[in-house]
Amino acid sequence: MSDPVPPSAPPQPTLPTTGASGEVAALDALLADVPVDVSVELGRTRLALGDLAARLGPGSIIPLDKAAGAPLDLRINGRLVARAEAIAIGERCGVRILELVGSGT
């Protein structure tokens, strides 16, 4: 009696094996079109819904946990990746990256 043949695992997709730089380029190409959510956070605060409803209106000021001029948090898919500053170019606004944040944050 022969040993049963174990079921074979489905084939795993592989990247071209043209060396490390070729693999990185192939991975970059695979990920280039993946959409991500990018957000810039000015600051945070915690309020009860009733307080928010009472305070919210034209001209309302809601204090945040950051000081004026403090770097903004740039988040990708909710994960902090950089600190930035707000900039204005003509009628548009954007951010300038000041520092990248390590993956431990």
PDB file of N, CA and C in Angstrom:
ATOM      1  N   MET A   1       0.849  -1.165   0.000  1.00  0.00           N
ATOM      2  CA  MET A   1       0.000   0.000   0.000  1.00  0.00           C
ATOM      3  C   MET A   1       0.899   1.234   0.000  1.00  0.00           C
ATOM      4  N   SER A   2       0.624   2.163  -0.874  1.00  0.00           N
ATOM      5  CA  SER A   2       1.452   3.371  -0.965  1.00  0.00           C
ATOM      6  C   SER A   2       0.893   4.460  -0.064  1.00  0.00           C
ATOM      7  N   ASP A   3       1.793   5.393   0.312  1.00  0.00           N
ATOM      8  CA  ASP A   3       1.362   6.516   1.152  1.00  0.00           C
ATOM      9  C   ASP A   3       0.447   7.431   0.347  1.00  0.00           C
ATOM     10  N   PRO A   4      -0.605   7.976   1.014  1.00  0.00           N
ATOM     11  CA  PRO A   4      -1.486   8.899   0.284  1.00  0.00           C
ATOM     12  C   PRO A   4      -0.713  10.167  -0.095  1.00  0.00           C
ATOM     13  N   VAL A   5      -1.064  10.693  -1.234  1.00  0.00           N
ATOM     14  CA  VAL A   5      -0.419  11.925  -1.706  1.00  0.00           C
ATOM     15  C   VAL A   5      -1.121  13.100  -1.049  1.00  0.00           C
ATOM     16  N   PRO A   6      -0.352  13.966  -0.341  1.00  0.00           N
ATOM     17  CA  PRO A   6      -1.009  15.109   0.305  1.00  0.00           C
ATOM     18  C   PRO A   6      -1.560  16.071  -0.743  1.00  0.00           C
ATOM     19  N   PRO A   7      -2.685  16.714  -0.415  1.00  0.00           N
ATOM     20  CA  PRO A   7      -3.241  17.669  -1.388  1.00  0.00           C
ATOM     21  C   PRO A   7      -2.242  18.803  -1.599  1.00  0.00           C
ATOM     22  N   SER A   8      -2.136  19.215  -2.827  1.00  0.00           N
ATOM     23  CA  SER A   8      -1.181  20.292  -3.111  1.00  0.00           C
ATOM     24  C   SER A   8      -1.806  21.638  -2.772  1.00  0.00           C
ATOM     25  N   ALA A   9      -0.973  22.542  -2.292  1.00  0.00           N
ATOM     26  CA  ALA A   9      -1.433  23.891  -1.960  1.00  0.00           C
ATOM     27  C   ALA A   9      -1.626  24.668  -3.256  1.00  0.00           C
ATOM     28  N   PRO A  10      -2.573  25.608  -3.258  1.00  0.00           N
ATOM     29  CA  PRO A  10      -2.763  26.409  -4.466  1.00  0.00           C
ATOM     30  C   PRO A  10      -1.499  27.214  -4.751  1.00  0.00           C
ATOM     31  N   PRO A  11      -1.193  27.447  -6.015  1.00  0.00           N
ATOM     32  CA  PRO A  11       0.027  28.194  -6.329  1.00  0.00           C
ATOM     33  C   PRO A  11      -0.043  29.612  -5.777  1.00  0.00           C
ATOM     34  N   GLN A  12       1.059  30.081  -5.257  1.00  0.00           N
ATOM     35  CA  GLN A  12       1.149  31.431  -4.716  1.00  0.00           C
ATOM     36  C   GLN A  12       1.686  32.360  -5.782  1.00  0.00           C
ATOM     37  N   PRO A  13       1.115  33.577  -5.891  1.00  0.00           N
ATOM     38  CA  PRO A  13       1.659  34.503  -6.882  1.00  0.00           C
ATOM     39  C   PRO A  13       3.094  34.862  -6.512  1.00  0.00           C
ATOM     40  N   THR A  14       3.918  34.979  -7.509  1.00  0.00           N
ATOM     41  CA  THR A  14       5.315  35.328  -7.268  1.00  0.00           C
ATOM     42  C   THR A  14       5.685  36.555  -8.085  1.00  0.00           C
ATOM     43  N   LEU A  15       6.635  37.291  -7.574  1.00  0.00           N
ATOM     44  CA  LEU A  15       7.172  38.430  -8.286  1.00  0.00           C
ATOM     45  C   LEU A  15       8.315  37.959  -9.161  1.00  0.00           C
ATOM     46  N   PRO A  16       8.611  38.689 -10.199  1.00  0.00           N
ATOM     47  CA  PRO A  16       9.765  38.302 -11.016  1.00  0.00           C
ATOM     48  C   PRO A  16      11.021  38.259 -10.163  1.00  0.00           C
ATOM     49  N   THR A  17      11.857  37.285 -10.402  1.00  0.00           N
ATOM     50  CA  THR A  17      13.076  37.125  -9.604  1.00  0.00           C
ATOM     51  C   THR A  17      14.278  37.677 -10.347  1.00  0.00           C
ATOM     52  N   THR A  18      14.224  38.972 -10.621  1.00  0.00           N
ATOM     53  CA  THR A  18      15.321  39.611 -11.351  1.00  0.00           C
ATOM     54  C   THR A  18      16.265  40.323 -10.401  1.00  0.00           C
ATOM     55  N   GLY A  19      16.302  39.908  -9.166  1.00  0.00           N
ATOM     56  CA  GLY A  19      17.153  40.569  -8.178  1.00  0.00           C
ATOM     57  C   GLY A  19      16.316  41.464  -7.293  1.00  0.00           C
ATOM     58  N   ALA A  20      16.913  41.922  -6.203  1.00  0.00           N
ATOM     59  CA  ALA A  20      16.190  42.710  -5.198  1.00  0.00           C
ATOM     60  C   ALA A  20      15.585  43.973  -5.787  1.00  0.00           C
ATOM     61  N   SER A  21      16.329  44.711  -6.599  1.00  0.00           N
ATOM     62  CA  SER A  21      15.788  45.959  -7.138  1.00  0.00           C
ATOM     63  C   SER A  21      14.652  45.686  -8.112  1.00  0.00           C
ATOM     64  N   GLY A  22      14.720  44.593  -8.860  1.00  0.00           N
ATOM     65  CA  GLY A  22      13.637  44.229  -9.756  1.00  0.00           C
ATOM     66  C   GLY A  22      12.385  43.852  -8.994  1.00  0.00           C
ATOM     67  N   GLU A  23      12.542  43.158  -7.876  1.00  0.00           N
ATOM     68  CA  GLU A  23      11.390  42.788  -7.053  1.00  0.00           C
ATOM     69  C   GLU A  23      10.741  44.018  -6.445  1.00  0.00           C
ATOM     70  N   VAL A  24      11.543  44.965  -5.993  1.00  0.00           N
ATOM     71  CA  VAL A  24      10.999  46.203  -5.423  1.00  0.00           C
ATOM     72  C   VAL A  24      10.246  46.964  -6.492  1.00  0.00           C
ATOM     73  N   ALA A  25      10.799  47.050  -7.689  1.00  0.00           N
ATOM     74  CA  ALA A  25      10.130  47.752  -8.785  1.00  0.00           C
ATOM     75  C   ALA A  25       8.810  47.067  -9.134  1.00  0.00           C
ATOM     76  N   ALA A  26       8.796  45.747  -9.131  1.00  0.00           N
ATOM     77  CA  ALA A  26       7.571  45.014  -9.428  1.00  0.00           C
ATOM     78  C   ALA A  26       6.521  45.253  -8.346  1.00  0.00           C
ATOM     79  N   LEU A  27       6.947  45.264  -7.098  1.00  0.00           N
ATOM     80  CA  LEU A  27       6.012  45.529  -6.002  1.00  0.00           C
ATOM     81  C   LEU A  27       5.485  46.958  -6.083  1.00  0.00           C
ATOM     82  N   ASP A  28       6.358  47.908  -6.380  1.00  0.00           N
ATOM     83  CA  ASP A  28       5.920  49.296  -6.555  1.00  0.00           C
ATOM     84  C   ASP A  28       4.863  49.387  -7.643  1.00  0.00           C
ATOM     85  N   ALA A  29       5.073  48.695  -8.736  1.00  0.00           N
ATOM     86  CA  ALA A  29       4.122  48.722  -9.839  1.00  0.00           C
ATOM     87  C   ALA A  29       2.786  48.110  -9.430  1.00  0.00           C
ATOM     88  N   LEU A  30       2.810  47.044  -8.638  1.00  0.00           N
ATOM     89  CA  LEU A  30       1.570  46.416  -8.181  1.00  0.00           C
ATOM     90  C   LEU A  30       0.785  47.326  -7.247  1.00  0.00           C
ATOM     91  N   LEU A  31       1.487  48.099  -6.433  1.00  0.00           N
ATOM     92  CA  LEU A  31       0.831  48.929  -5.419  1.00  0.00           C
ATOM     93  C   LEU A  31       0.540  50.348  -5.879  1.00  0.00           C
ATOM     94  N   ALA A  32       1.042  50.742  -7.036  1.00  0.00           N
ATOM     95  CA  ALA A  32       0.937  52.132  -7.481  1.00  0.00           C
ATOM     96  C   ALA A  32      -0.506  52.620  -7.598  1.00  0.00           C
ATOM     97  N   ASP A  33      -1.438  51.756  -7.953  1.00  0.00           N
ATOM     98  CA  ASP A  33      -2.825  52.166  -8.155  1.00  0.00           C
ATOM     99  C   ASP A  33      -3.735  51.873  -6.970  1.00  0.00           C
ATOM    100  N   VAL A  34      -3.183  51.453  -5.832  1.00  0.00           N
ATOM    101  CA  VAL A  34      -4.006  51.142  -4.668  1.00  0.00           C
ATOM    102  C   VAL A  34      -4.411  52.457  -3.984  1.00  0.00           C
ATOM    103  N   PRO A  35      -5.710  52.743  -3.900  1.00  0.00           N
ATOM    104  CA  PRO A  35      -6.130  53.995  -3.261  1.00  0.00           C
ATOM    105  C   PRO A  35      -5.985  53.922  -1.739  1.00  0.00           C
ATOM    106  N   VAL A  36      -5.605  55.034  -1.145  1.00  0.00           N
ATOM    107  CA  VAL A  36      -5.499  55.152   0.310  1.00  0.00           C
ATOM    108  C   VAL A  36      -6.155  56.460   0.728  1.00  0.00           C
ATOM    109  N   ASP A  37      -6.610  56.513   1.957  1.00  0.00           N
ATOM    110  CA  ASP A  37      -7.169  57.738   2.516  1.00  0.00           C
ATOM    111  C   ASP A  37      -6.050  58.515   3.181  1.00  0.00           C
ATOM    112  N   VAL A  38      -5.864  59.753   2.754  1.00  0.00           N
ATOM    113  CA  VAL A  38      -4.863  60.630   3.349  1.00  0.00           C
ATOM    114  C   VAL A  38      -5.617  61.743   4.061  1.00  0.00           C
ATOM    115  N   SER A  39      -5.295  61.950   5.339  1.00  0.00           N
ATOM    116  CA  SER A  39      -5.933  63.019   6.096  1.00  0.00           C
ATOM    117  C   SER A  39      -4.879  63.812   6.852  1.00  0.00           C
ATOM    118  N   VAL A  40      -5.188  65.070   7.094  1.00  0.00           N
ATOM    119  CA  VAL A  40      -4.313  65.944   7.851  1.00  0.00           C
ATOM    120  C   VAL A  40      -5.113  66.413   9.053  1.00  0.00           C
ATOM    121  N   GLU A  41      -4.555  66.192  10.231  1.00  0.00           N
ATOM    122  CA  GLU A  41      -5.262  66.492  11.472  1.00  0.00           C
ATOM    123  C   GLU A  41      -4.663  67.726  12.127  1.00  0.00           C
ATOM    124  N   LEU A  42      -5.500  68.721  12.314  1.00  0.00           N
ATOM    125  CA  LEU A  42      -5.094  69.954  12.966  1.00  0.00           C
ATOM    126  C   LEU A  42      -4.991  69.772  14.476  1.00  0.00           C
ATOM    127  N   GLY A  43      -5.895  69.017  15.035  1.00  0.00           N
ATOM    128  CA  GLY A  43      -5.920  68.753  16.465  1.00  0.00           C
ATOM    129  C   GLY A  43      -7.178  67.992  16.817  1.00  0.00           C
ATOM    130  N   ARG A  44      -7.334  67.703  18.106  1.00  0.00           N
ATOM    131  CA  ARG A  44      -8.500  66.948  18.573  1.00  0.00           C
ATOM    132  C   ARG A  44      -9.048  67.567  19.843  1.00  0.00           C
ATOM    133  N   THR A  45     -10.289  67.249  20.106  1.00  0.00           N
ATOM    134  CA  THR A  45     -10.906  67.587  21.376  1.00  0.00           C
ATOM    135  C   THR A  45     -12.000  66.567  21.645  1.00  0.00           C
ATOM    136  N   ARG A  46     -12.422  66.482  22.880  1.00  0.00           N
ATOM    137  CA  ARG A  46     -13.493  65.558  23.243  1.00  0.00           C
ATOM    138  C   ARG A  46     -14.585  66.377  23.910  1.00  0.00           C
ATOM    139  N   LEU A  47     -15.795  66.323  23.344  1.00  0.00           N
ATOM    140  CA  LEU A  47     -16.939  67.068  23.855  1.00  0.00           C
ATOM    141  C   LEU A  47     -18.147  66.147  23.935  1.00  0.00           C
ATOM    142  N   ALA A  48     -18.999  66.436  24.878  1.00  0.00           N
ATOM    143  CA  ALA A  48     -20.284  65.744  24.920  1.00  0.00           C
ATOM    144  C   ALA A  48     -21.130  66.277  23.767  1.00  0.00           C
ATOM    145  N   LEU A  49     -21.996  65.443  23.228  1.00  0.00           N
ATOM    146  CA  LEU A  49     -22.820  65.833  22.102  1.00  0.00           C
ATOM    147  C   LEU A  49     -23.644  67.092  22.427  1.00  0.00           C
ATOM    148  N   GLY A  50     -24.145  67.180  23.641  1.00  0.00           N
ATOM    149  CA  GLY A  50     -24.916  68.358  24.042  1.00  0.00           C
ATOM    150  C   GLY A  50     -24.069  69.619  24.028  1.00  0.00           C
ATOM    151  N   ASP A  51     -22.817  69.528  24.491  1.00  0.00           N
ATOM    152  CA  ASP A  51     -21.913  70.682  24.460  1.00  0.00           C
ATOM    153  C   ASP A  51     -21.602  71.089  23.025  1.00  0.00           C
ATOM    154  N   LEU A  52     -21.397  70.111  22.173  1.00  0.00           N
ATOM    155  CA  LEU A  52     -21.099  70.405  20.785  1.00  0.00           C
ATOM    156  C   LEU A  52     -22.285  71.106  20.122  1.00  0.00           C
ATOM    157  N   ALA A  53     -23.480  70.609  20.361  1.00  0.00           N
ATOM    158  CA  ALA A  53     -24.669  71.216  19.771  1.00  0.00           C
ATOM    159  C   ALA A  53     -24.856  72.644  20.276  1.00  0.00           C
ATOM    160  N   ALA A  54     -24.546  72.890  21.549  1.00  0.00           N
ATOM    161  CA  ALA A  54     -24.702  74.230  22.114  1.00  0.00           C
ATOM    162  C   ALA A  54     -23.643  75.193  21.575  1.00  0.00           C
ATOM    163  N   ARG A  55     -22.437  74.685  21.294  1.00  0.00           N
ATOM    164  CA  ARG A  55     -21.334  75.538  20.841  1.00  0.00           C
ATOM    165  C   ARG A  55     -21.289  75.744  19.335  1.00  0.00           C
ATOM    166  N   LEU A  56     -21.842  74.821  18.570  1.00  0.00           N
ATOM    167  CA  LEU A  56     -21.658  74.820  17.134  1.00  0.00           C
ATOM    168  C   LEU A  56     -22.546  75.836  16.441  1.00  0.00           C
ATOM    169  N   GLY A  57     -21.930  76.732  15.721  1.00  0.00           N
ATOM    170  CA  GLY A  57     -22.649  77.734  14.954  1.00  0.00           C
ATOM    171  C   GLY A  57     -21.646  78.645  14.277  1.00  0.00           C
ATOM    172  N   PRO A  58     -22.125  79.528  13.411  1.00  0.00           N
ATOM    173  CA  PRO A  58     -21.202  80.447  12.740  1.00  0.00           C
ATOM    174  C   PRO A  58     -20.398  81.257  13.760  1.00  0.00           C
ATOM    175  N   GLY A  59     -19.106  81.301  13.595  1.00  0.00           N
ATOM    176  CA  GLY A  59     -18.234  82.042  14.502  1.00  0.00           C
ATOM    177  C   GLY A  59     -17.837  81.283  15.755  1.00  0.00           C
ATOM    178  N   SER A  60     -18.296  80.047  15.904  1.00  0.00           N
ATOM    179  CA  SER A  60     -17.964  79.247  17.082  1.00  0.00           C
ATOM    180  C   SER A  60     -16.483  78.900  17.087  1.00  0.00           C
ATOM    181  N   ILE A  61     -15.912  78.838  18.256  1.00  0.00           N
ATOM    182  CA  ILE A  61     -14.532  78.404  18.417  1.00  0.00           C
ATOM    183  C   ILE A  61     -14.540  77.161  19.281  1.00  0.00           C
ATOM    184  N   ILE A  62     -13.941  76.110  18.764  1.00  0.00           N
ATOM    185  CA  ILE A  62     -13.819  74.855  19.511  1.00  0.00           C
ATOM    186  C   ILE A  62     -12.331  74.652  19.768  1.00  0.00           C
ATOM    187  N   PRO A  63     -11.904  74.737  21.024  1.00  0.00           N
ATOM    188  CA  PRO A  63     -10.480  74.577  21.312  1.00  0.00           C
ATOM    189  C   PRO A  63     -10.001  73.160  21.025  1.00  0.00           C
ATOM    190  N   LEU A  64      -8.786  73.073  20.500  1.00  0.00           N
ATOM    191  CA  LEU A  64      -8.176  71.785  20.182  1.00  0.00           C
ATOM    192  C   LEU A  64      -6.996  71.538  21.108  1.00  0.00           C
ATOM    193  N   ASP A  65      -6.459  70.326  21.063  1.00  0.00           N
ATOM    194  CA  ASP A  65      -5.369  69.945  21.965  1.00  0.00           C
ATOM    195  C   ASP A  65      -3.985  70.381  21.504  1.00  0.00           C
ATOM    196  N   LYS A  66      -3.893  71.097  20.387  1.00  0.00           N
ATOM    197  CA  LYS A  66      -2.587  71.532  19.893  1.00  0.00           C
ATOM    198  C   LYS A  66      -2.474  73.045  19.955  1.00  0.00           C
ATOM    199  N   ALA A  67      -1.242  73.503  20.129  1.00  0.00           N
ATOM    200  CA  ALA A  67      -0.979  74.939  20.143  1.00  0.00           C
ATOM    201  C   ALA A  67      -0.939  75.462  18.709  1.00  0.00           C
ATOM    202  N   ALA A  68      -1.246  76.746  18.552  1.00  0.00           N
ATOM    203  CA  ALA A  68      -1.148  77.382  17.239  1.00  0.00           C
ATOM    204  C   ALA A  68       0.293  77.251  16.750  1.00  0.00           C
ATOM    205  N   GLY A  69       0.454  76.898  15.495  1.00  0.00           N
ATOM    206  CA  GLY A  69       1.783  76.740  14.920  1.00  0.00           C
ATOM    207  C   GLY A  69       2.398  75.367  15.105  1.00  0.00           C
ATOM    208  N   ALA A  70       1.757  74.509  15.880  1.00  0.00           N
ATOM    209  CA  ALA A  70       2.275  73.148  16.077  1.00  0.00           C
ATOM    210  C   ALA A  70       2.141  72.366  14.777  1.00  0.00           C
ATOM    211  N   PRO A  71       3.037  71.417  14.531  1.00  0.00           N
ATOM    212  CA  PRO A  71       2.936  70.617  13.299  1.00  0.00           C
ATOM    213  C   PRO A  71       1.611  69.854  13.234  1.00  0.00           C
ATOM    214  N   LEU A  72       1.134  69.660  12.014  1.00  0.00           N
ATOM    215  CA  LEU A  72      -0.083  68.900  11.768  1.00  0.00           C
ATOM    216  C   LEU A  72       0.275  67.428  11.641  1.00  0.00           C
ATOM    217  N   ASP A  73      -0.662  66.555  11.949  1.00  0.00           N
ATOM    218  CA  ASP A  73      -0.449  65.113  11.799  1.00  0.00           C
ATOM    219  C   ASP A  73      -0.968  64.679  10.440  1.00  0.00           C
ATOM    220  N   LEU A  74      -0.113  64.043   9.636  1.00  0.00           N
ATOM    221  CA  LEU A  74      -0.519  63.495   8.353  1.00  0.00           C
ATOM    222  C   LEU A  74      -0.723  62.003   8.557  1.00  0.00           C
ATOM    223  N   ARG A  75      -1.918  61.540   8.241  1.00  0.00           N
ATOM    224  CA  ARG A  75      -2.271  60.139   8.456  1.00  0.00           C
ATOM    225  C   ARG A  75      -2.646  59.490   7.130  1.00  0.00           C
ATOM    226  N   ILE A  76      -2.197  58.259   6.947  1.00  0.00           N
ATOM    227  CA  ILE A  76      -2.591  57.460   5.784  1.00  0.00           C
ATOM    228  C   ILE A  76      -3.334  56.251   6.319  1.00  0.00           C
ATOM    229  N   ASN A  77      -4.588  56.133   5.890  1.00  0.00           N
ATOM    230  CA  ASN A  77      -5.485  55.084   6.391  1.00  0.00           C
ATOM    231  C   ASN A  77      -5.527  55.081   7.916  1.00  0.00           C
ATOM    232  N   GLY A  78      -5.532  56.265   8.504  1.00  0.00           N
ATOM    233  CA  GLY A  78      -5.648  56.405   9.949  1.00  0.00           C
ATOM    234  C   GLY A  78      -4.343  56.270  10.716  1.00  0.00           C
ATOM    235  N   ARG A  79      -3.265  55.904  10.063  1.00  0.00           N
ATOM    236  CA  ARG A  79      -1.976  55.704  10.730  1.00  0.00           C
ATOM    237  C   ARG A  79      -1.108  56.949  10.557  1.00  0.00           C
ATOM    238  N   LEU A  80      -0.571  57.435  11.660  1.00  0.00           N
ATOM    239  CA  LEU A  80       0.301  58.602  11.623  1.00  0.00           C
ATOM    240  C   LEU A  80       1.583  58.253  10.871  1.00  0.00           C
ATOM    241  N   VAL A  81       1.890  59.007   9.811  1.00  0.00           N
ATOM    242  CA  VAL A  81       3.094  58.737   9.030  1.00  0.00           C
ATOM    243  C   VAL A  81       4.033  59.931   8.960  1.00  0.00           C
ATOM    244  N   ALA A  82       3.528  61.142   9.232  1.00  0.00           N
ATOM    245  CA  ALA A  82       4.397  62.311   9.108  1.00  0.00           C
ATOM    246  C   ALA A  82       3.826  63.483   9.889  1.00  0.00           C
ATOM    247  N   ARG A  83       4.684  64.435  10.143  1.00  0.00           N
ATOM    248  CA  ARG A  83       4.288  65.737  10.694  1.00  0.00           C
ATOM    249  C   ARG A  83       4.455  66.740   9.557  1.00  0.00           C
ATOM    250  N   ALA A  84       3.582  67.722   9.497  1.00  0.00           N
ATOM    251  CA  ALA A  84       3.592  68.647   8.371  1.00  0.00           C
ATOM    252  C   ALA A  84       3.188  70.047   8.827  1.00  0.00           C
ATOM    253  N   GLU A  85       3.365  71.009   7.935  1.00  0.00           N
ATOM    254  CA  GLU A  85       2.892  72.365   8.177  1.00  0.00           C
ATOM    255  C   GLU A  85       1.952  72.745   7.043  1.00  0.00           C
ATOM    256  N   ALA A  86       0.988  73.592   7.361  1.00  0.00           N
ATOM    257  CA  ALA A  86       0.042  74.051   6.351  1.00  0.00           C
ATOM    258  C   ALA A  86       0.707  75.105   5.480  1.00  0.00           C
ATOM    259  N   ILE A  87       0.425  75.035   4.180  1.00  0.00           N
ATOM    260  CA  ILE A  87       0.925  76.048   3.257  1.00  0.00           C
ATOM    261  C   ILE A  87      -0.213  76.482   2.348  1.00  0.00           C
ATOM    262  N   ALA A  88      -0.094  77.677   1.780  1.00  0.00           N
ATOM    263  CA  ALA A  88      -1.061  78.177   0.810  1.00  0.00           C
ATOM    264  C   ALA A  88      -0.311  78.555  -0.452  1.00  0.00           C
ATOM    265  N   ILE A  89      -0.835  78.127  -1.580  1.00  0.00           N
ATOM    266  CA  ILE A  89      -0.275  78.475  -2.878  1.00  0.00           C
ATOM    267  C   ILE A  89      -1.427  79.040  -3.702  1.00  0.00           C
ATOM    268  N   GLY A  90      -1.446  80.353  -3.812  1.00  0.00           N
ATOM    269  CA  GLY A  90      -2.554  80.997  -4.511  1.00  0.00           C
ATOM    270  C   GLY A  90      -3.849  80.755  -3.753  1.00  0.00           C
ATOM    271  N   GLU A  91      -4.832  80.214  -4.446  1.00  0.00           N
ATOM    272  CA  GLU A  91      -6.142  79.938  -3.856  1.00  0.00           C
ATOM    273  C   GLU A  91      -6.240  78.539  -3.249  1.00  0.00           C
ATOM    274  N   ARG A  92      -5.166  77.775  -3.308  1.00  0.00           N
ATOM    275  CA  ARG A  92      -5.180  76.385  -2.842  1.00  0.00           C
ATOM    276  C   ARG A  92      -4.376  76.252  -1.560  1.00  0.00           C
ATOM    277  N   CYS A  93      -4.675  75.227  -0.799  1.00  0.00           N
ATOM    278  CA  CYS A  93      -3.884  74.951   0.400  1.00  0.00           C
ATOM    279  C   CYS A  93      -3.351  73.525   0.326  1.00  0.00           C
ATOM    280  N   GLY A  94      -2.317  73.282   1.099  1.00  0.00           N
ATOM    281  CA  GLY A  94      -1.702  71.957   1.119  1.00  0.00           C
ATOM    282  C   GLY A  94      -0.846  71.833   2.355  1.00  0.00           C
ATOM    283  N   VAL A  95      -0.005  70.831   2.377  1.00  0.00           N
ATOM    284  CA  VAL A  95       0.896  70.630   3.506  1.00  0.00           C
ATOM    285  C   VAL A  95       2.307  70.378   2.987  1.00  0.00           C
ATOM    286  N   ARG A  96       3.271  70.773   3.781  1.00  0.00           N
ATOM    287  CA  ARG A  96       4.687  70.492   3.514  1.00  0.00           C
ATOM    288  C   ARG A  96       5.144  69.526   4.594  1.00  0.00           C
ATOM    289  N   ILE A  97       5.703  68.388   4.189  1.00  0.00           N
ATOM    290  CA  ILE A  97       6.168  67.385   5.137  1.00  0.00           C
ATOM    291  C   ILE A  97       7.394  67.936   5.889  1.00  0.00           C
ATOM    292  N   LEU A  98       7.330  67.881   7.209  1.00  0.00           N
ATOM    293  CA  LEU A  98       8.454  68.304   8.043  1.00  0.00           C
ATOM    294  C   LEU A  98       9.301  67.126   8.499  1.00  0.00           C
ATOM    295  N   GLU A  99       8.625  66.026   8.863  1.00  0.00           N
ATOM    296  CA  GLU A  99       9.342  64.837   9.299  1.00  0.00           C
ATOM    297  C   GLU A  99       8.486  63.606   9.100  1.00  0.00           C
ATOM    298  N   LEU A 100       9.133  62.489   8.793  1.00  0.00           N
ATOM    299  CA  LEU A 100       8.447  61.207   8.719  1.00  0.00           C
ATOM    300  C   LEU A 100       8.488  60.590  10.100  1.00  0.00           C
ATOM    301  N   VAL A 101       7.398  59.930  10.467  1.00  0.00           N
ATOM    302  CA  VAL A 101       7.285  59.325  11.786  1.00  0.00           C
ATOM    303  C   VAL A 101       7.554  57.838  11.651  1.00  0.00           C
ATOM    304  N   GLY A 102       8.323  57.259  12.571  1.00  0.00           N
ATOM    305  CA  GLY A 102       8.651  55.831  12.529  1.00  0.00           C
ATOM    306  C   GLY A 102       7.414  54.967  12.626  1.00  0.00           C
ATOM    307  N   SER A 103       7.557  53.715  12.245  1.00  0.00           N
ATOM    308  CA  SER A 103       6.416  52.788  12.235  1.00  0.00           C
ATOM    309  C   SER A 103       5.950  52.416  13.641  1.00  0.00           C
ATOM    310  N   GLY A 104       6.692  52.747  14.670  1.00  0.00           N
ATOM    311  CA  GLY A 104       6.288  52.422  16.033  1.00  0.00           C
ATOM    312  C   GLY A 104       5.219  53.335  16.589  1.00  0.00           C
ATOM    313  N   THR A 105       4.845  54.400  15.870  1.00  0.00           N
ATOM    314  CA  THR A 105       3.856  55.359  16.367  1.00  0.00           C
ATOM    315  C   THR A 105       2.473  54.972  15.946  1.00  0.00           C
TER     316      THR A 105
END
